[in-house]
Amino acid sequence: MTSLTKALSKVCWFLVDYGQRHAHPVNALLHLCGVPMAFLGGYRMLSGAPLDGLGLVICGYLLQYVGHRAQGNEVGEVTLIRHIWRRLTRTGATE
């Protein structure tokens, strides 16, 4: 398997997983608003309006959190942190 094939396989897996984790209409709608809001907030924080930006980041993540609560699953960052933690503790346990 070439590196391009592996990369495309990972992208396809991510898109399928993302679609499943955001299938509820309320979750999808809140992410449609919350994700750009959080990115805009990050940009604003870096471009000289830290308080405005922080407010946008918090509101954007709050919308995403409410969406995941509506669907009944966890926010992606929590899932990512758990995955990293499992990998780190599994690696440490085998050495």
Foldseek 3Di string as FASTA:
>chain_A
DDPVVVVVVVVVVVVVVVCVQQVPPQLVVLLVPLVVQLVVLVVCCVVPNNVSSVVSNVSSVVSNQVSSVVVVHGDPVVVVVVVVVVVVVVVVVVD
